[in-house]
Amino acid sequence: DIICEAFDDAECKSMLTDIVLSEM
């Protein structure tokens, strides 16, 4: 229901943000 992004790496943060916002 809710996804928490908890990465240290900036590229991983950006990747997950883009996927969730665009595909979910």
PDBML (XML) file of the C-alpha atoms, coordinates in Angstrom:
<?xml version="1.0" encoding="UTF-8" ?>
<PDBx:datablock datablockName="MODEL"
   xmlns:PDBx="http://pdbml.pdb.org/schema/pdbx-v50.xsd"
   xmlns:xsi="http://www.w3.org/2001/XMLSchema-instance"
   xsi:schemaLocation="http://pdbml.pdb.org/schema/pdbx-v50.xsd pdbx-v50.xsd">
   <PDBx:atom_siteCategory>
      <PDBx:atom_site id="1">
         <PDBx:B_iso_or_equiv>0.00</PDBx:B_iso_or_equiv>
         <PDBx:Cartn_x>0.000</PDBx:Cartn_x>
         <PDBx:Cartn_y>0.000</PDBx:Cartn_y>
         <PDBx:Cartn_z>0.000</PDBx:Cartn_z>
         <PDBx:auth_asym_id>A</PDBx:auth_asym_id>
         <PDBx:auth_atom_id>CA</PDBx:auth_atom_id>
         <PDBx:auth_comp_id>ASP</PDBx:auth_comp_id>
         <PDBx:auth_seq_id>1</PDBx:auth_seq_id>
         <PDBx:group_PDB>ATOM</PDBx:group_PDB>
         <PDBx:label_alt_id xsi:nil="true" />
         <PDBx:label_asym_id>A</PDBx:label_asym_id>
         <PDBx:label_atom_id>CA</PDBx:label_atom_id>
         <PDBx:label_comp_id>ASP</PDBx:label_comp_id>
         <PDBx:label_entity_id>1</PDBx:label_entity_id>
         <PDBx:label_seq_id>1</PDBx:label_seq_id>
         <PDBx:occupancy>1.00</PDBx:occupancy>
         <PDBx:pdbx_PDB_model_num>1</PDBx:pdbx_PDB_model_num>
         <PDBx:type_symbol>C</PDBx:type_symbol>
      </PDBx:atom_site>
      <PDBx:atom_site id="2">
         <PDBx:B_iso_or_equiv>0.00</PDBx:B_iso_or_equiv>
         <PDBx:Cartn_x>2.892</PDBx:Cartn_x>
         <PDBx:Cartn_y>2.302</PDBx:Cartn_y>
         <PDBx:Cartn_z>0.891</PDBx:Cartn_z>
         <PDBx:auth_asym_id>A</PDBx:auth_asym_id>
         <PDBx:auth_atom_id>CA</PDBx:auth_atom_id>
         <PDBx:auth_comp_id>ILE</PDBx:auth_comp_id>
         <PDBx:auth_seq_id>2</PDBx:auth_seq_id>
         <PDBx:group_PDB>ATOM</PDBx:group_PDB>
         <PDBx:label_alt_id xsi:nil="true" />
         <PDBx:label_asym_id>A</PDBx:label_asym_id>
         <PDBx:label_atom_id>CA</PDBx:label_atom_id>
         <PDBx:label_comp_id>ILE</PDBx:label_comp_id>
         <PDBx:label_entity_id>1</PDBx:label_entity_id>
         <PDBx:label_seq_id>2</PDBx:label_seq_id>
         <PDBx:occupancy>1.00</PDBx:occupancy>
         <PDBx:pdbx_PDB_model_num>1</PDBx:pdbx_PDB_model_num>
         <PDBx:type_symbol>C</PDBx:type_symbol>
      </PDBx:atom_site>
      <PDBx:atom_site id="3">
         <PDBx:B_iso_or_equiv>0.00</PDBx:B_iso_or_equiv>
         <PDBx:Cartn_x>6.511</PDBx:Cartn_x>
         <PDBx:Cartn_y>2.128</PDBx:Cartn_y>
         <PDBx:Cartn_z>-0.314</PDBx:Cartn_z>
         <PDBx:auth_asym_id>A</PDBx:auth_asym_id>
         <PDBx:auth_atom_id>CA</PDBx:auth_atom_id>
         <PDBx:auth_comp_id>ILE</PDBx:auth_comp_id>
         <PDBx:auth_seq_id>3</PDBx:auth_seq_id>
         <PDBx:group_PDB>ATOM</PDBx:group_PDB>
         <PDBx:label_alt_id xsi:nil="true" />
         <PDBx:label_asym_id>A</PDBx:label_asym_id>
         <PDBx:label_atom_id>CA</PDBx:label_atom_id>
         <PDBx:label_comp_id>ILE</PDBx:label_comp_id>
         <PDBx:label_entity_id>1</PDBx:label_entity_id>
         <PDBx:label_seq_id>3</PDBx:label_seq_id>
         <PDBx:occupancy>1.00</PDBx:occupancy>
         <PDBx:pdbx_PDB_model_num>1</PDBx:pdbx_PDB_model_num>
         <PDBx:type_symbol>C</PDBx:type_symbol>
      </PDBx:atom_site>
      <PDBx:atom_site id="4">
         <PDBx:B_iso_or_equiv>0.00</PDBx:B_iso_or_equiv>
         <PDBx:Cartn_x>9.415</PDBx:Cartn_x>
         <PDBx:Cartn_y>3.490</PDBx:Cartn_y>
         <PDBx:Cartn_z>1.734</PDBx:Cartn_z>
         <PDBx:auth_asym_id>A</PDBx:auth_asym_id>
         <PDBx:auth_atom_id>CA</PDBx:auth_atom_id>
         <PDBx:auth_comp_id>CYS</PDBx:auth_comp_id>
         <PDBx:auth_seq_id>4</PDBx:auth_seq_id>
         <PDBx:group_PDB>ATOM</PDBx:group_PDB>
         <PDBx:label_alt_id xsi:nil="true" />
         <PDBx:label_asym_id>A</PDBx:label_asym_id>
         <PDBx:label_atom_id>CA</PDBx:label_atom_id>
         <PDBx:label_comp_id>CYS</PDBx:label_comp_id>
         <PDBx:label_entity_id>1</PDBx:label_entity_id>
         <PDBx:label_seq_id>4</PDBx:label_seq_id>
         <PDBx:occupancy>1.00</PDBx:occupancy>
         <PDBx:pdbx_PDB_model_num>1</PDBx:pdbx_PDB_model_num>
         <PDBx:type_symbol>C</PDBx:type_symbol>
      </PDBx:atom_site>
      <PDBx:atom_site id="5">
         <PDBx:B_iso_or_equiv>0.00</PDBx:B_iso_or_equiv>
         <PDBx:Cartn_x>12.632</PDBx:Cartn_x>
         <PDBx:Cartn_y>4.370</PDBx:Cartn_y>
         <PDBx:Cartn_z>-0.095</PDBx:Cartn_z>
         <PDBx:auth_asym_id>A</PDBx:auth_asym_id>
         <PDBx:auth_atom_id>CA</PDBx:auth_atom_id>
         <PDBx:auth_comp_id>GLU</PDBx:auth_comp_id>
         <PDBx:auth_seq_id>5</PDBx:auth_seq_id>
         <PDBx:group_PDB>ATOM</PDBx:group_PDB>
         <PDBx:label_alt_id xsi:nil="true" />
         <PDBx:label_asym_id>A</PDBx:label_asym_id>
         <PDBx:label_atom_id>CA</PDBx:label_atom_id>
         <PDBx:label_comp_id>GLU</PDBx:label_comp_id>
         <PDBx:label_entity_id>1</PDBx:label_entity_id>
         <PDBx:label_seq_id>5</PDBx:label_seq_id>
         <PDBx:occupancy>1.00</PDBx:occupancy>
         <PDBx:pdbx_PDB_model_num>1</PDBx:pdbx_PDB_model_num>
         <PDBx:type_symbol>C</PDBx:type_symbol>
      </PDBx:atom_site>
      <PDBx:atom_site id="6">
         <PDBx:B_iso_or_equiv>0.00</PDBx:B_iso_or_equiv>
         <PDBx:Cartn_x>15.557</PDBx:Cartn_x>
         <PDBx:Cartn_y>3.818</PDBx:Cartn_y>
         <PDBx:Cartn_z>2.290</PDBx:Cartn_z>
         <PDBx:auth_asym_id>A</PDBx:auth_asym_id>
         <PDBx:auth_atom_id>CA</PDBx:auth_atom_id>
         <PDBx:auth_comp_id>ALA</PDBx:auth_comp_id>
         <PDBx:auth_seq_id>6</PDBx:auth_seq_id>
         <PDBx:group_PDB>ATOM</PDBx:group_PDB>
         <PDBx:label_alt_id xsi:nil="true" />
         <PDBx:label_asym_id>A</PDBx:label_asym_id>
         <PDBx:label_atom_id>CA</PDBx:label_atom_id>
         <PDBx:label_comp_id>ALA</PDBx:label_comp_id>
         <PDBx:label_entity_id>1</PDBx:label_entity_id>
         <PDBx:label_seq_id>6</PDBx:label_seq_id>
         <PDBx:occupancy>1.00</PDBx:occupancy>
         <PDBx:pdbx_PDB_model_num>1</PDBx:pdbx_PDB_model_num>
         <PDBx:type_symbol>C</PDBx:type_symbol>
      </PDBx:atom_site>
      <PDBx:atom_site id="7">
         <PDBx:B_iso_or_equiv>0.00</PDBx:B_iso_or_equiv>
         <PDBx:Cartn_x>18.670</PDBx:Cartn_x>
         <PDBx:Cartn_y>3.723</PDBx:Cartn_y>
         <PDBx:Cartn_z>0.119</PDBx:Cartn_z>
         <PDBx:auth_asym_id>A</PDBx:auth_asym_id>
         <PDBx:auth_atom_id>CA</PDBx:auth_atom_id>
         <PDBx:auth_comp_id>PHE</PDBx:auth_comp_id>
         <PDBx:auth_seq_id>7</PDBx:auth_seq_id>
         <PDBx:group_PDB>ATOM</PDBx:group_PDB>
         <PDBx:label_alt_id xsi:nil="true" />
         <PDBx:label_asym_id>A</PDBx:label_asym_id>
         <PDBx:label_atom_id>CA</PDBx:label_atom_id>
         <PDBx:label_comp_id>PHE</PDBx:label_comp_id>
         <PDBx:label_entity_id>1</PDBx:label_entity_id>
         <PDBx:label_seq_id>7</PDBx:label_seq_id>
         <PDBx:occupancy>1.00</PDBx:occupancy>
         <PDBx:pdbx_PDB_model_num>1</PDBx:pdbx_PDB_model_num>
         <PDBx:type_symbol>C</PDBx:type_symbol>
      </PDBx:atom_site>
      <PDBx:atom_site id="8">
         <PDBx:B_iso_or_equiv>0.00</PDBx:B_iso_or_equiv>
         <PDBx:Cartn_x>22.004</PDBx:Cartn_x>
         <PDBx:Cartn_y>5.459</PDBx:Cartn_y>
         <PDBx:Cartn_z>0.689</PDBx:Cartn_z>
         <PDBx:auth_asym_id>A</PDBx:auth_asym_id>
         <PDBx:auth_atom_id>CA</PDBx:auth_atom_id>
         <PDBx:auth_comp_id>ASP</PDBx:auth_comp_id>
         <PDBx:auth_seq_id>8</PDBx:auth_seq_id>
         <PDBx:group_PDB>ATOM</PDBx:group_PDB>
         <PDBx:label_alt_id xsi:nil="true" />
         <PDBx:label_asym_id>A</PDBx:label_asym_id>
         <PDBx:label_atom_id>CA</PDBx:label_atom_id>
         <PDBx:label_comp_id>ASP</PDBx:label_comp_id>
         <PDBx:label_entity_id>1</PDBx:label_entity_id>
         <PDBx:label_seq_id>8</PDBx:label_seq_id>
         <PDBx:occupancy>1.00</PDBx:occupancy>
         <PDBx:pdbx_PDB_model_num>1</PDBx:pdbx_PDB_model_num>
         <PDBx:type_symbol>C</PDBx:type_symbol>
      </PDBx:atom_site>
      <PDBx:atom_site id="9">
         <PDBx:B_iso_or_equiv>0.00</PDBx:B_iso_or_equiv>
         <PDBx:Cartn_x>22.900</PDBx:Cartn_x>
         <PDBx:Cartn_y>5.617</PDBx:Cartn_y>
         <PDBx:Cartn_z>-2.989</PDBx:Cartn_z>
         <PDBx:auth_asym_id>A</PDBx:auth_asym_id>
         <PDBx:auth_atom_id>CA</PDBx:auth_atom_id>
         <PDBx:auth_comp_id>ASP</PDBx:auth_comp_id>
         <PDBx:auth_seq_id>9</PDBx:auth_seq_id>
         <PDBx:group_PDB>ATOM</PDBx:group_PDB>
         <PDBx:label_alt_id xsi:nil="true" />
         <PDBx:label_asym_id>A</PDBx:label_asym_id>
         <PDBx:label_atom_id>CA</PDBx:label_atom_id>
         <PDBx:label_comp_id>ASP</PDBx:label_comp_id>
         <PDBx:label_entity_id>1</PDBx:label_entity_id>
         <PDBx:label_seq_id>9</PDBx:label_seq_id>
         <PDBx:occupancy>1.00</PDBx:occupancy>
         <PDBx:pdbx_PDB_model_num>1</PDBx:pdbx_PDB_model_num>
         <PDBx:type_symbol>C</PDBx:type_symbol>
      </PDBx:atom_site>
      <PDBx:atom_site id="10">
         <PDBx:B_iso_or_equiv>0.00</PDBx:B_iso_or_equiv>
         <PDBx:Cartn_x>21.557</PDBx:Cartn_x>
         <PDBx:Cartn_y>8.607</PDBx:Cartn_y>
         <PDBx:Cartn_z>-4.954</PDBx:Cartn_z>
         <PDBx:auth_asym_id>A</PDBx:auth_asym_id>
         <PDBx:auth_atom_id>CA</PDBx:auth_atom_id>
         <PDBx:auth_comp_id>ALA</PDBx:auth_comp_id>
         <PDBx:auth_seq_id>10</PDBx:auth_seq_id>
         <PDBx:group_PDB>ATOM</PDBx:group_PDB>
         <PDBx:label_alt_id xsi:nil="true" />
         <PDBx:label_asym_id>A</PDBx:label_asym_id>
         <PDBx:label_atom_id>CA</PDBx:label_atom_id>
         <PDBx:label_comp_id>ALA</PDBx:label_comp_id>
         <PDBx:label_entity_id>1</PDBx:label_entity_id>
         <PDBx:label_seq_id>10</PDBx:label_seq_id>
         <PDBx:occupancy>1.00</PDBx:occupancy>
         <PDBx:pdbx_PDB_model_num>1</PDBx:pdbx_PDB_model_num>
         <PDBx:type_symbol>C</PDBx:type_symbol>
      </PDBx:atom_site>
      <PDBx:atom_site id="11">
         <PDBx:B_iso_or_equiv>0.00</PDBx:B_iso_or_equiv>
         <PDBx:Cartn_x>21.198</PDBx:Cartn_x>
         <PDBx:Cartn_y>6.655</PDBx:Cartn_y>
         <PDBx:Cartn_z>-8.204</PDBx:Cartn_z>
         <PDBx:auth_asym_id>A</PDBx:auth_asym_id>
         <PDBx:auth_atom_id>CA</PDBx:auth_atom_id>
         <PDBx:auth_comp_id>GLU</PDBx:auth_comp_id>
         <PDBx:auth_seq_id>11</PDBx:auth_seq_id>
         <PDBx:group_PDB>ATOM</PDBx:group_PDB>
         <PDBx:label_alt_id xsi:nil="true" />
         <PDBx:label_asym_id>A</PDBx:label_asym_id>
         <PDBx:label_atom_id>CA</PDBx:label_atom_id>
         <PDBx:label_comp_id>GLU</PDBx:label_comp_id>
         <PDBx:label_entity_id>1</PDBx:label_entity_id>
         <PDBx:label_seq_id>11</PDBx:label_seq_id>
         <PDBx:occupancy>1.00</PDBx:occupancy>
         <PDBx:pdbx_PDB_model_num>1</PDBx:pdbx_PDB_model_num>
         <PDBx:type_symbol>C</PDBx:type_symbol>
      </PDBx:atom_site>
      <PDBx:atom_site id="12">
         <PDBx:B_iso_or_equiv>0.00</PDBx:B_iso_or_equiv>
         <PDBx:Cartn_x>19.152</PDBx:Cartn_x>
         <PDBx:Cartn_y>3.942</PDBx:Cartn_y>
         <PDBx:Cartn_z>-6.476</PDBx:Cartn_z>
         <PDBx:auth_asym_id>A</PDBx:auth_asym_id>
         <PDBx:auth_atom_id>CA</PDBx:auth_atom_id>
         <PDBx:auth_comp_id>CYS</PDBx:auth_comp_id>
         <PDBx:auth_seq_id>12</PDBx:auth_seq_id>
         <PDBx:group_PDB>ATOM</PDBx:group_PDB>
         <PDBx:label_alt_id xsi:nil="true" />
         <PDBx:label_asym_id>A</PDBx:label_asym_id>
         <PDBx:label_atom_id>CA</PDBx:label_atom_id>
         <PDBx:label_comp_id>CYS</PDBx:label_comp_id>
         <PDBx:label_entity_id>1</PDBx:label_entity_id>
         <PDBx:label_seq_id>12</PDBx:label_seq_id>
         <PDBx:occupancy>1.00</PDBx:occupancy>
         <PDBx:pdbx_PDB_model_num>1</PDBx:pdbx_PDB_model_num>
         <PDBx:type_symbol>C</PDBx:type_symbol>
      </PDBx:atom_site>
      <PDBx:atom_site id="13">
         <PDBx:B_iso_or_equiv>0.00</PDBx:B_iso_or_equiv>
         <PDBx:Cartn_x>16.950</PDBx:Cartn_x>
         <PDBx:Cartn_y>6.611</PDBx:Cartn_y>
         <PDBx:Cartn_z>-4.890</PDBx:Cartn_z>
         <PDBx:auth_asym_id>A</PDBx:auth_asym_id>
         <PDBx:auth_atom_id>CA</PDBx:auth_atom_id>
         <PDBx:auth_comp_id>LYS</PDBx:auth_comp_id>
         <PDBx:auth_seq_id>13</PDBx:auth_seq_id>
         <PDBx:group_PDB>ATOM</PDBx:group_PDB>
         <PDBx:label_alt_id xsi:nil="true" />
         <PDBx:label_asym_id>A</PDBx:label_asym_id>
         <PDBx:label_atom_id>CA</PDBx:label_atom_id>
         <PDBx:label_comp_id>LYS</PDBx:label_comp_id>
         <PDBx:label_entity_id>1</PDBx:label_entity_id>
         <PDBx:label_seq_id>13</PDBx:label_seq_id>
         <PDBx:occupancy>1.00</PDBx:occupancy>
         <PDBx:pdbx_PDB_model_num>1</PDBx:pdbx_PDB_model_num>
         <PDBx:type_symbol>C</PDBx:type_symbol>
      </PDBx:atom_site>
      <PDBx:atom_site id="14">
         <PDBx:B_iso_or_equiv>0.00</PDBx:B_iso_or_equiv>
         <PDBx:Cartn_x>16.342</PDBx:Cartn_x>
         <PDBx:Cartn_y>8.228</PDBx:Cartn_y>
         <PDBx:Cartn_z>-8.255</PDBx:Cartn_z>
         <PDBx:auth_asym_id>A</PDBx:auth_asym_id>
         <PDBx:auth_atom_id>CA</PDBx:auth_atom_id>
         <PDBx:auth_comp_id>SER</PDBx:auth_comp_id>
         <PDBx:auth_seq_id>14</PDBx:auth_seq_id>
         <PDBx:group_PDB>ATOM</PDBx:group_PDB>
         <PDBx:label_alt_id xsi:nil="true" />
         <PDBx:label_asym_id>A</PDBx:label_asym_id>
         <PDBx:label_atom_id>CA</PDBx:label_atom_id>
         <PDBx:label_comp_id>SER</PDBx:label_comp_id>
         <PDBx:label_entity_id>1</PDBx:label_entity_id>
         <PDBx:label_seq_id>14</PDBx:label_seq_id>
         <PDBx:occupancy>1.00</PDBx:occupancy>
         <PDBx:pdbx_PDB_model_num>1</PDBx:pdbx_PDB_model_num>
         <PDBx:type_symbol>C</PDBx:type_symbol>
      </PDBx:atom_site>
      <PDBx:atom_site id="15">
         <PDBx:B_iso_or_equiv>0.00</PDBx:B_iso_or_equiv>
         <PDBx:Cartn_x>15.645</PDBx:Cartn_x>
         <PDBx:Cartn_y>4.902</PDBx:Cartn_y>
         <PDBx:Cartn_z>-9.966</PDBx:Cartn_z>
         <PDBx:auth_asym_id>A</PDBx:auth_asym_id>
         <PDBx:auth_atom_id>CA</PDBx:auth_atom_id>
         <PDBx:auth_comp_id>MET</PDBx:auth_comp_id>
         <PDBx:auth_seq_id>15</PDBx:auth_seq_id>
         <PDBx:group_PDB>ATOM</PDBx:group_PDB>
         <PDBx:label_alt_id xsi:nil="true" />
         <PDBx:label_asym_id>A</PDBx:label_asym_id>
         <PDBx:label_atom_id>CA</PDBx:label_atom_id>
         <PDBx:label_comp_id>MET</PDBx:label_comp_id>
         <PDBx:label_entity_id>1</PDBx:label_entity_id>
         <PDBx:label_seq_id>15</PDBx:label_seq_id>
         <PDBx:occupancy>1.00</PDBx:occupancy>
         <PDBx:pdbx_PDB_model_num>1</PDBx:pdbx_PDB_model_num>
         <PDBx:type_symbol>C</PDBx:type_symbol>
      </PDBx:atom_site>
      <PDBx:atom_site id="16">
         <PDBx:B_iso_or_equiv>0.00</PDBx:B_iso_or_equiv>
         <PDBx:Cartn_x>13.045</PDBx:Cartn_x>
         <PDBx:Cartn_y>3.814</PDBx:Cartn_y>
         <PDBx:Cartn_z>-7.437</PDBx:Cartn_z>
         <PDBx:auth_asym_id>A</PDBx:auth_asym_id>
         <PDBx:auth_atom_id>CA</PDBx:auth_atom_id>
         <PDBx:auth_comp_id>LEU</PDBx:auth_comp_id>
         <PDBx:auth_seq_id>16</PDBx:auth_seq_id>
         <PDBx:group_PDB>ATOM</PDBx:group_PDB>
         <PDBx:label_alt_id xsi:nil="true" />
         <PDBx:label_asym_id>A</PDBx:label_asym_id>
         <PDBx:label_atom_id>CA</PDBx:label_atom_id>
         <PDBx:label_comp_id>LEU</PDBx:label_comp_id>
         <PDBx:label_entity_id>1</PDBx:label_entity_id>
         <PDBx:label_seq_id>16</PDBx:label_seq_id>
         <PDBx:occupancy>1.00</PDBx:occupancy>
         <PDBx:pdbx_PDB_model_num>1</PDBx:pdbx_PDB_model_num>
         <PDBx:type_symbol>C</PDBx:type_symbol>
      </PDBx:atom_site>
      <PDBx:atom_site id="17">
         <PDBx:B_iso_or_equiv>0.00</PDBx:B_iso_or_equiv>
         <PDBx:Cartn_x>11.386</PDBx:Cartn_x>
         <PDBx:Cartn_y>7.237</PDBx:Cartn_y>
         <PDBx:Cartn_z>-7.352</PDBx:Cartn_z>
         <PDBx:auth_asym_id>A</PDBx:auth_asym_id>
         <PDBx:auth_atom_id>CA</PDBx:auth_atom_id>
         <PDBx:auth_comp_id>THR</PDBx:auth_comp_id>
         <PDBx:auth_seq_id>17</PDBx:auth_seq_id>
         <PDBx:group_PDB>ATOM</PDBx:group_PDB>
         <PDBx:label_alt_id xsi:nil="true" />
         <PDBx:label_asym_id>A</PDBx:label_asym_id>
         <PDBx:label_atom_id>CA</PDBx:label_atom_id>
         <PDBx:label_comp_id>THR</PDBx:label_comp_id>
         <PDBx:label_entity_id>1</PDBx:label_entity_id>
         <PDBx:label_seq_id>17</PDBx:label_seq_id>
         <PDBx:occupancy>1.00</PDBx:occupancy>
         <PDBx:pdbx_PDB_model_num>1</PDBx:pdbx_PDB_model_num>
         <PDBx:type_symbol>C</PDBx:type_symbol>
      </PDBx:atom_site>
      <PDBx:atom_site id="18">
         <PDBx:B_iso_or_equiv>0.00</PDBx:B_iso_or_equiv>
         <PDBx:Cartn_x>11.039</PDBx:Cartn_x>
         <PDBx:Cartn_y>7.278</PDBx:Cartn_y>
         <PDBx:Cartn_z>-11.137</PDBx:Cartn_z>
         <PDBx:auth_asym_id>A</PDBx:auth_asym_id>
         <PDBx:auth_atom_id>CA</PDBx:auth_atom_id>
         <PDBx:auth_comp_id>ASP</PDBx:auth_comp_id>
         <PDBx:auth_seq_id>18</PDBx:auth_seq_id>
         <PDBx:group_PDB>ATOM</PDBx:group_PDB>
         <PDBx:label_alt_id xsi:nil="true" />
         <PDBx:label_asym_id>A</PDBx:label_asym_id>
         <PDBx:label_atom_id>CA</PDBx:label_atom_id>
         <PDBx:label_comp_id>ASP</PDBx:label_comp_id>
         <PDBx:label_entity_id>1</PDBx:label_entity_id>
         <PDBx:label_seq_id>18</PDBx:label_seq_id>
         <PDBx:occupancy>1.00</PDBx:occupancy>
         <PDBx:pdbx_PDB_model_num>1</PDBx:pdbx_PDB_model_num>
         <PDBx:type_symbol>C</PDBx:type_symbol>
      </PDBx:atom_site>
      <PDBx:atom_site id="19">
         <PDBx:B_iso_or_equiv>0.00</PDBx:B_iso_or_equiv>
         <PDBx:Cartn_x>9.588</PDBx:Cartn_x>
         <PDBx:Cartn_y>3.759</PDBx:Cartn_y>
         <PDBx:Cartn_z>-11.248</PDBx:Cartn_z>
         <PDBx:auth_asym_id>A</PDBx:auth_asym_id>
         <PDBx:auth_atom_id>CA</PDBx:auth_atom_id>
         <PDBx:auth_comp_id>ILE</PDBx:auth_comp_id>
         <PDBx:auth_seq_id>19</PDBx:auth_seq_id>
         <PDBx:group_PDB>ATOM</PDBx:group_PDB>
         <PDBx:label_alt_id xsi:nil="true" />
         <PDBx:label_asym_id>A</PDBx:label_asym_id>
         <PDBx:label_atom_id>CA</PDBx:label_atom_id>
         <PDBx:label_comp_id>ILE</PDBx:label_comp_id>
         <PDBx:label_entity_id>1</PDBx:label_entity_id>
         <PDBx:label_seq_id>19</PDBx:label_seq_id>
         <PDBx:occupancy>1.00</PDBx:occupancy>
         <PDBx:pdbx_PDB_model_num>1</PDBx:pdbx_PDB_model_num>
         <PDBx:type_symbol>C</PDBx:type_symbol>
      </PDBx:atom_site>
      <PDBx:atom_site id="20">
         <PDBx:B_iso_or_equiv>0.00</PDBx:B_iso_or_equiv>
         <PDBx:Cartn_x>7.054</PDBx:Cartn_x>
         <PDBx:Cartn_y>4.268</PDBx:Cartn_y>
         <PDBx:Cartn_z>-8.462</PDBx:Cartn_z>
         <PDBx:auth_asym_id>A</PDBx:auth_asym_id>
         <PDBx:auth_atom_id>CA</PDBx:auth_atom_id>
         <PDBx:auth_comp_id>VAL</PDBx:auth_comp_id>
         <PDBx:auth_seq_id>20</PDBx:auth_seq_id>
         <PDBx:group_PDB>ATOM</PDBx:group_PDB>
         <PDBx:label_alt_id xsi:nil="true" />
         <PDBx:label_asym_id>A</PDBx:label_asym_id>
         <PDBx:label_atom_id>CA</PDBx:label_atom_id>
         <PDBx:label_comp_id>VAL</PDBx:label_comp_id>
         <PDBx:label_entity_id>1</PDBx:label_entity_id>
         <PDBx:label_seq_id>20</PDBx:label_seq_id>
         <PDBx:occupancy>1.00</PDBx:occupancy>
         <PDBx:pdbx_PDB_model_num>1</PDBx:pdbx_PDB_model_num>
         <PDBx:type_symbol>C</PDBx:type_symbol>
      </PDBx:atom_site>
      <PDBx:atom_site id="21">
         <PDBx:B_iso_or_equiv>0.00</PDBx:B_iso_or_equiv>
         <PDBx:Cartn_x>5.854</PDBx:Cartn_x>
         <PDBx:Cartn_y>7.627</PDBx:Cartn_y>
         <PDBx:Cartn_z>-9.755</PDBx:Cartn_z>
         <PDBx:auth_asym_id>A</PDBx:auth_asym_id>
         <PDBx:auth_atom_id>CA</PDBx:auth_atom_id>
         <PDBx:auth_comp_id>LEU</PDBx:auth_comp_id>
         <PDBx:auth_seq_id>21</PDBx:auth_seq_id>
         <PDBx:group_PDB>ATOM</PDBx:group_PDB>
         <PDBx:label_alt_id xsi:nil="true" />
         <PDBx:label_asym_id>A</PDBx:label_asym_id>
         <PDBx:label_atom_id>CA</PDBx:label_atom_id>
         <PDBx:label_comp_id>LEU</PDBx:label_comp_id>
         <PDBx:label_entity_id>1</PDBx:label_entity_id>
         <PDBx:label_seq_id>21</PDBx:label_seq_id>
         <PDBx:occupancy>1.00</PDBx:occupancy>
         <PDBx:pdbx_PDB_model_num>1</PDBx:pdbx_PDB_model_num>
         <PDBx:type_symbol>C</PDBx:type_symbol>
      </PDBx:atom_site>
      <PDBx:atom_site id="22">
         <PDBx:B_iso_or_equiv>0.00</PDBx:B_iso_or_equiv>
         <PDBx:Cartn_x>5.610</PDBx:Cartn_x>
         <PDBx:Cartn_y>6.503</PDBx:Cartn_y>
         <PDBx:Cartn_z>-13.365</PDBx:Cartn_z>
         <PDBx:auth_asym_id>A</PDBx:auth_asym_id>
         <PDBx:auth_atom_id>CA</PDBx:auth_atom_id>
         <PDBx:auth_comp_id>SER</PDBx:auth_comp_id>
         <PDBx:auth_seq_id>22</PDBx:auth_seq_id>
         <PDBx:group_PDB>ATOM</PDBx:group_PDB>
         <PDBx:label_alt_id xsi:nil="true" />
         <PDBx:label_asym_id>A</PDBx:label_asym_id>
         <PDBx:label_atom_id>CA</PDBx:label_atom_id>
         <PDBx:label_comp_id>SER</PDBx:label_comp_id>
         <PDBx:label_entity_id>1</PDBx:label_entity_id>
         <PDBx:label_seq_id>22</PDBx:label_seq_id>
         <PDBx:occupancy>1.00</PDBx:occupancy>
         <PDBx:pdbx_PDB_model_num>1</PDBx:pdbx_PDB_model_num>
         <PDBx:type_symbol>C</PDBx:type_symbol>
      </PDBx:atom_site>
      <PDBx:atom_site id="23">
         <PDBx:B_iso_or_equiv>0.00</PDBx:B_iso_or_equiv>
         <PDBx:Cartn_x>4.517</PDBx:Cartn_x>
         <PDBx:Cartn_y>2.865</PDBx:Cartn_y>
         <PDBx:Cartn_z>-13.096</PDBx:Cartn_z>
         <PDBx:auth_asym_id>A</PDBx:auth_asym_id>
         <PDBx:auth_atom_id>CA</PDBx:auth_atom_id>
         <PDBx:auth_comp_id>GLU</PDBx:auth_comp_id>
         <PDBx:auth_seq_id>23</PDBx:auth_seq_id>
         <PDBx:group_PDB>ATOM</PDBx:group_PDB>
         <PDBx:label_alt_id xsi:nil="true" />
         <PDBx:label_asym_id>A</PDBx:label_asym_id>
         <PDBx:label_atom_id>CA</PDBx:label_atom_id>
         <PDBx:label_comp_id>GLU</PDBx:label_comp_id>
         <PDBx:label_entity_id>1</PDBx:label_entity_id>
         <PDBx:label_seq_id>23</PDBx:label_seq_id>
         <PDBx:occupancy>1.00</PDBx:occupancy>
         <PDBx:pdbx_PDB_model_num>1</PDBx:pdbx_PDB_model_num>
         <PDBx:type_symbol>C</PDBx:type_symbol>
      </PDBx:atom_site>
      <PDBx:atom_site id="24">
         <PDBx:B_iso_or_equiv>0.00</PDBx:B_iso_or_equiv>
         <PDBx:Cartn_x>2.767</PDBx:Cartn_x>
         <PDBx:Cartn_y>2.681</PDBx:Cartn_y>
         <PDBx:Cartn_z>-9.708</PDBx:Cartn_z>
         <PDBx:auth_asym_id>A</PDBx:auth_asym_id>
         <PDBx:auth_atom_id>CA</PDBx:auth_atom_id>
         <PDBx:auth_comp_id>MET</PDBx:auth_comp_id>
         <PDBx:auth_seq_id>24</PDBx:auth_seq_id>
         <PDBx:group_PDB>ATOM</PDBx:group_PDB>
         <PDBx:label_alt_id xsi:nil="true" />
         <PDBx:label_asym_id>A</PDBx:label_asym_id>
         <PDBx:label_atom_id>CA</PDBx:label_atom_id>
         <PDBx:label_comp_id>MET</PDBx:label_comp_id>
         <PDBx:label_entity_id>1</PDBx:label_entity_id>
         <PDBx:label_seq_id>24</PDBx:label_seq_id>
         <PDBx:occupancy>1.00</PDBx:occupancy>
         <PDBx:pdbx_PDB_model_num>1</PDBx:pdbx_PDB_model_num>
         <PDBx:type_symbol>C</PDBx:type_symbol>
      </PDBx:atom_site>
   </PDBx:atom_siteCategory>
</PDBx:datablock>
